C-alpha atoms as a PDB file:
ATOM      1  CA  MET A   1       7.212 -22.602  31.846  1.00  0.00           C
ATOM      2  CA  GLN A   2       7.173 -25.669  33.631  1.00  0.00           C
ATOM      3  CA  ARG A   3       3.618 -26.706  32.080  1.00  0.00           C
ATOM      4  CA  PHE A   4       6.031 -26.540  28.757  1.00  0.00           C
ATOM      5  CA  ALA A   5       9.378 -28.655  30.155  1.00  0.00           C
ATOM      6  CA  LEU A   6       5.823 -31.416  31.628  1.00  0.00           C
ATOM      7  CA  LEU A   7       4.355 -31.545  27.894  1.00  0.00           C
ATOM      8  CA  ALA A   8       7.633 -32.259  27.013  1.00  0.00           C
ATOM      9  CA  LEU A   9       9.376 -34.115  29.022  1.00  0.00           C
ATOM     10  CA  ALA A  10       5.362 -36.518  28.550  1.00  0.00           C
ATOM     11  CA  ALA A  11       6.362 -36.201  24.262  1.00  0.00           C
ATOM     12  CA  THR A  12       9.798 -37.651  24.901  1.00  0.00           C
ATOM     13  CA  LEU A  13       9.195 -40.643  27.017  1.00  0.00           C
ATOM     14  CA  ALA A  14       5.847 -41.624  25.535  1.00  0.00           C
ATOM     15  CA  ALA A  15       5.089 -45.010  24.372  1.00  0.00           C
ATOM     16  CA  PRO A  16       5.284 -46.177  20.967  1.00  0.00           C
ATOM     17  CA  ALA A  17       2.173 -47.457  19.454  1.00  0.00           C
ATOM     18  CA  LEU A  18       1.727 -51.087  19.486  1.00  0.00           C
ATOM     19  CA  GLY A  19       4.905 -52.840  17.499  1.00  0.00           C
ATOM     20  CA  GLU A  20       6.059 -49.393  16.291  1.00  0.00           C
ATOM     21  CA  GLU A  21       9.997 -50.402  15.413  1.00  0.00           C
ATOM     22  CA  MET A  22      11.908 -47.913  17.913  1.00  0.00           C
ATOM     23  CA  ALA A  23      15.669 -47.275  16.297  1.00  0.00           C
ATOM     24  CA  PHE A  24      16.330 -51.186  18.383  1.00  0.00           C
ATOM     25  CA  GLY A  25      13.633 -52.987  18.094  1.00  0.00           C
ATOM     26  CA  ARG A  26      10.278 -53.536  19.110  1.00  0.00           C
ATOM     27  CA  GLU A  27       8.122 -54.465  21.386  1.00  0.00           C
ATOM     28  CA  GLY A  28       8.119 -58.991  21.355  1.00  0.00           C
ATOM     29  CA  ASP A  29       5.437 -61.405  21.170  1.00  0.00           C
ATOM     30  CA  PRO A  30       5.581 -63.473  23.814  1.00  0.00           C
ATOM     31  CA  LYS A  31       4.140 -66.677  21.912  1.00  0.00           C
ATOM     32  CA  LYS A  32       7.249 -65.618  19.540  1.00  0.00           C
ATOM     33  CA  VAL A  33       9.683 -66.056  22.648  1.00  0.00           C
ATOM     34  CA  SER A  34      13.281 -68.132  21.402  1.00  0.00           C
ATOM     35  CA  ARG A  35      14.812 -67.935  24.014  1.00  0.00           C
ATOM     36  CA  THR A  36      14.402 -66.174  27.560  1.00  0.00           C
ATOM     37  CA  ILE A  37      17.918 -64.588  29.560  1.00  0.00           C
ATOM     38  CA  ARG A  38      17.921 -63.678  32.496  1.00  0.00           C
ATOM     39  CA  VAL A  39      19.319 -60.053  33.536  1.00  0.00           C
ATOM     40  CA  GLU A  40      20.624 -59.887  37.172  1.00  0.00           C
ATOM     41  CA  MET A  41      20.342 -56.719  38.391  1.00  0.00           C
ATOM     42  CA  ASP A  42      21.485 -54.978  42.802  1.00  0.00           C
ATOM     43  CA  ASP A  43      23.342 -52.272  44.684  1.00  0.00           C
ATOM     44  CA  ARG A  44      26.326 -52.549  43.218  1.00  0.00           C
ATOM     45  CA  MET A  45      25.393 -50.608  40.525  1.00  0.00           C
ATOM     46  CA  ARG A  46      25.614 -53.283  38.308  1.00  0.00           C
ATOM     47  CA  PHE A  47      24.115 -56.090  35.560  1.00  0.00           C
ATOM     48  CA  THR A  48      24.717 -59.606  34.946  1.00  0.00           C
ATOM     49  CA  PRO A  49      25.669 -60.384  32.353  1.00  0.00           C
ATOM     50  CA  ALA A  50      26.827 -56.805  31.350  1.00  0.00           C
ATOM     51  CA  GLU A  51      27.030 -57.926  27.431  1.00  0.00           C
ATOM     52  CA  ILE A  52      23.940 -60.259  25.364  1.00  0.00           C
ATOM     53  CA  ALA A  53      24.476 -60.890  21.965  1.00  0.00           C
ATOM     54  CA  VAL A  54      21.523 -62.104  20.123  1.00  0.00           C
ATOM     55  CA  ARG A  55      20.500 -62.380  16.437  1.00  0.00           C
ATOM     56  CA  GLN A  56      18.694 -59.859  14.301  1.00  0.00           C
ATOM     57  CA  GLY A  57      15.337 -60.634  14.765  1.00  0.00           C
ATOM     58  CA  GLU A  58      14.328 -62.550  17.964  1.00  0.00           C
ATOM     59  CA  THR A  59      12.717 -62.023  20.131  1.00  0.00           C
ATOM     60  CA  VAL A  60      14.170 -62.636  23.856  1.00  0.00           C
ATOM     61  CA  ARG A  61      12.329 -62.853  27.113  1.00  0.00           C
ATOM     62  CA  PHE A  62      14.466 -60.885  29.443  1.00  0.00           C
ATOM     63  CA  ARG A  63      13.909 -62.650  33.154  1.00  0.00           C
ATOM     64  CA  ILE A  64      15.368 -58.514  34.882  1.00  0.00           C
ATOM     65  CA  VAL A  65      15.944 -60.323  38.867  1.00  0.00           C
ATOM     66  CA  ASN A  66      16.455 -57.827  41.055  1.00  0.00           C
ATOM     67  CA  SER A  67      19.052 -59.146  44.221  1.00  0.00           C
ATOM     68  CA  GLY A  68      19.198 -55.741  45.151  1.00  0.00           C
ATOM     69  CA  GLY A  69      17.830 -54.192  48.860  1.00  0.00           C
ATOM     70  CA  GLN A  70      16.051 -51.250  46.372  1.00  0.00           C
ATOM     71  CA  LEU A  71      14.270 -50.347  43.303  1.00  0.00           C
ATOM     72  CA  HIS A  72      16.053 -50.336  40.167  1.00  0.00           C
ATOM     73  CA  GLU A  73      14.640 -51.094  36.624  1.00  0.00           C
ATOM     74  CA  MET A  74      16.014 -51.989  33.048  1.00  0.00           C
ATOM     75  CA  VAL A  75      15.909 -50.016  30.185  1.00  0.00           C
ATOM     76  CA  LEU A  76      16.409 -51.087  26.579  1.00  0.00           C
ATOM     77  CA  GLY A  77      17.355 -47.876  24.321  1.00  0.00           C
ATOM     78  CA  THR A  78      20.193 -46.161  22.136  1.00  0.00           C
ATOM     79  CA  ILE A  79      22.726 -44.560  23.758  1.00  0.00           C
ATOM     80  CA  GLU A  80      22.206 -41.689  23.382  1.00  0.00           C
ATOM     81  CA  ASP A  81      18.246 -42.048  24.143  1.00  0.00           C
ATOM     82  CA  LEU A  82      19.650 -43.694  27.750  1.00  0.00           C
ATOM     83  CA  LYS A  83      21.626 -40.337  28.718  1.00  0.00           C
ATOM     84  CA  ARG A  84      19.174 -38.471  27.853  1.00  0.00           C
ATOM     85  CA  HIS A  85      15.980 -39.932  29.807  1.00  0.00           C
ATOM     86  CA  ALA A  86      18.752 -40.101  32.248  1.00  0.00           C
ATOM     87  CA  ALA A  87      18.632 -36.864  32.402  1.00  0.00           C
ATOM     88  CA  LEU A  88      15.284 -35.712  32.795  1.00  0.00           C
ATOM     89  CA  MET A  89      15.280 -38.873  35.215  1.00  0.00           C
ATOM     90  CA  ARG A  90      18.019 -36.186  37.464  1.00  0.00           C
ATOM     91  CA  LYS A  91      15.438 -33.335  37.440  1.00  0.00           C
ATOM     92  CA  HIS A  92      11.828 -35.027  38.470  1.00  0.00           C
ATOM     93  CA  PRO A  93      13.003 -38.066  39.504  1.00  0.00           C
ATOM     94  CA  GLY A  94       9.106 -39.327  41.235  1.00  0.00           C
ATOM     95  CA  MET A  95       8.572 -39.100  37.312  1.00  0.00           C
ATOM     96  CA  GLU A  96       6.457 -42.608  35.993  1.00  0.00           C
ATOM     97  CA  HIS A  97       6.736 -43.763  32.878  1.00  0.00           C
ATOM     98  CA  ASP A  98       5.395 -47.487  32.038  1.00  0.00           C
ATOM     99  CA  GLU A  99       6.766 -48.426  27.871  1.00  0.00           C
ATOM    100  CA  PRO A 100       7.266 -51.735  26.320  1.00  0.00           C
ATOM    101  CA  HIS A 101      11.422 -51.275  26.717  1.00  0.00           C
ATOM    102  CA  ILE A 102      11.294 -49.974  30.712  1.00  0.00           C
ATOM    103  CA  ALA A 103      10.892 -52.523  32.962  1.00  0.00           C
ATOM    104  CA  HIS A 104      10.869 -51.896  37.091  1.00  0.00           C
ATOM    105  CA  VAL A 105      11.962 -54.471  39.040  1.00  0.00           C
ATOM    106  CA  ARG A 106      11.276 -53.728  43.208  1.00  0.00           C
ATOM    107  CA  ALA A 107      14.175 -55.487  45.819  1.00  0.00           C
ATOM    108  CA  GLY A 108      13.701 -58.899  45.642  1.00  0.00           C
ATOM    109  CA  ARG A 109      11.015 -59.095  43.780  1.00  0.00           C
ATOM    110  CA  THR A 110      11.943 -60.246  39.201  1.00  0.00           C
ATOM    111  CA  GLY A 111       9.938 -58.780  36.116  1.00  0.00           C
ATOM    112  CA  THR A 112       9.423 -59.174  32.339  1.00  0.00           C
ATOM    113  CA  LEU A 113      10.449 -57.138  29.203  1.00  0.00           C
ATOM    114  CA  VAL A 114       9.708 -59.297  26.137  1.00  0.00           C
ATOM    115  CA  TRP A 115      11.508 -57.261  23.239  1.00  0.00           C
ATOM    116  CA  GLN A 116      12.734 -58.181  19.100  1.00  0.00           C
ATOM    117  CA  PHE A 117      15.488 -57.341  17.986  1.00  0.00           C
ATOM    118  CA  THR A 118      15.174 -55.846  14.427  1.00  0.00           C
ATOM    119  CA  ARG A 119      18.006 -54.260  13.270  1.00  0.00           C
ATOM    120  CA  PRO A 120      21.923 -54.872  13.266  1.00  0.00           C
ATOM    121  CA  GLY A 121      23.957 -52.818  15.901  1.00  0.00           C
ATOM    122  CA  GLU A 122      25.255 -52.487  19.589  1.00  0.00           C
ATOM    123  CA  PHE A 123      22.544 -51.258  21.482  1.00  0.00           C
ATOM    124  CA  HIS A 124      22.520 -50.925  25.328  1.00  0.00           C
ATOM    125  CA  TYR A 125      20.380 -51.044  29.322  1.00  0.00           C
ATOM    126  CA  ALA A 126      20.466 -49.029  31.199  1.00  0.00           C
ATOM    127  CA  CYS A 127      19.130 -48.189  34.944  1.00  0.00           C
ATOM    128  CA  LEU A 128      17.582 -44.997  34.982  1.00  0.00           C
ATOM    129  CA  ILE A 129      17.337 -44.667  37.869  1.00  0.00           C
ATOM    130  CA  PRO A 130      18.598 -41.096  39.952  1.00  0.00           C
ATOM    131  CA  GLY A 131      22.909 -42.237  40.816  1.00  0.00           C
ATOM    132  CA  HIS A 132      22.561 -45.275  39.138  1.00  0.00           C
ATOM    133  CA  PHE A 133      22.948 -44.638  35.501  1.00  0.00           C
ATOM    134  CA  GLU A 134      26.134 -42.622  36.531  1.00  0.00           C
ATOM    135  CA  ALA A 135      27.396 -45.514  38.749  1.00  0.00           C
ATOM    136  CA  GLY A 136      27.594 -47.568  35.757  1.00  0.00           C
ATOM    137  CA  MET A 137      24.396 -49.251  36.076  1.00  0.00           C
ATOM    138  CA  LEU A 138      25.157 -50.509  32.128  1.00  0.00           C
ATOM    139  CA  GLY A 139      25.067 -53.729  30.108  1.00  0.00           C
ATOM    140  CA  ARG A 140      25.435 -53.359  26.197  1.00  0.00           C
ATOM    141  CA  VAL A 141      23.349 -55.563  23.637  1.00  0.00           C
ATOM    142  CA  ILE A 142      25.082 -57.247  20.517  1.00  0.00           C
ATOM    143  CA  VAL A 143      22.934 -57.640  17.860  1.00  0.00           C
ATOM    144  CA  THR A 144      24.540 -59.757  14.399  1.00  0.00           C
ATOM    145  CA  LYS A 145      23.295 -59.324  11.366  1.00  0.00           C
ATOM    146  CA  GLY A 146      20.193 -62.028  10.628  1.00  0.00           C
ATOM    147  CA  ASP A 147      17.162 -63.327   9.687  1.00  0.00           C
ATOM    148  CA  SER A 148      14.593 -60.323  10.112  1.00  0.00           C
ATOM    149  CA  ARG A 149      11.242 -62.240  10.732  1.00  0.00           C
END
């Protein structure tokens, strides 16, 4: 049963193929970045800014700064996906994964994530380290209709 649970977990968190479309966009081409947005994470379990606006089709480089004293991460997704992933992280806190929509950033360090937002809508970013999401470490991305490039 344990093996089945781990296989199901791996399937749920499997990285999309390069360029594969997800509900909230796809991995962006670093050569096509239209702007860089700085996002700061801290031990108050908050992101700054807590809300980001982008245009449909825009490729953004997130410069993710961890000004706290512990590991944090920025995970992009739909709110449903983030809640599901947070529940899995609580069950398997040592789980390691490396997907293009996730950046793990150690204390005092800076990470990057490049993402193309291909659909209009409301999406989110969160820290899914056990206890962080539950403490309110969640931000919102508003994607306005625009050029889908």
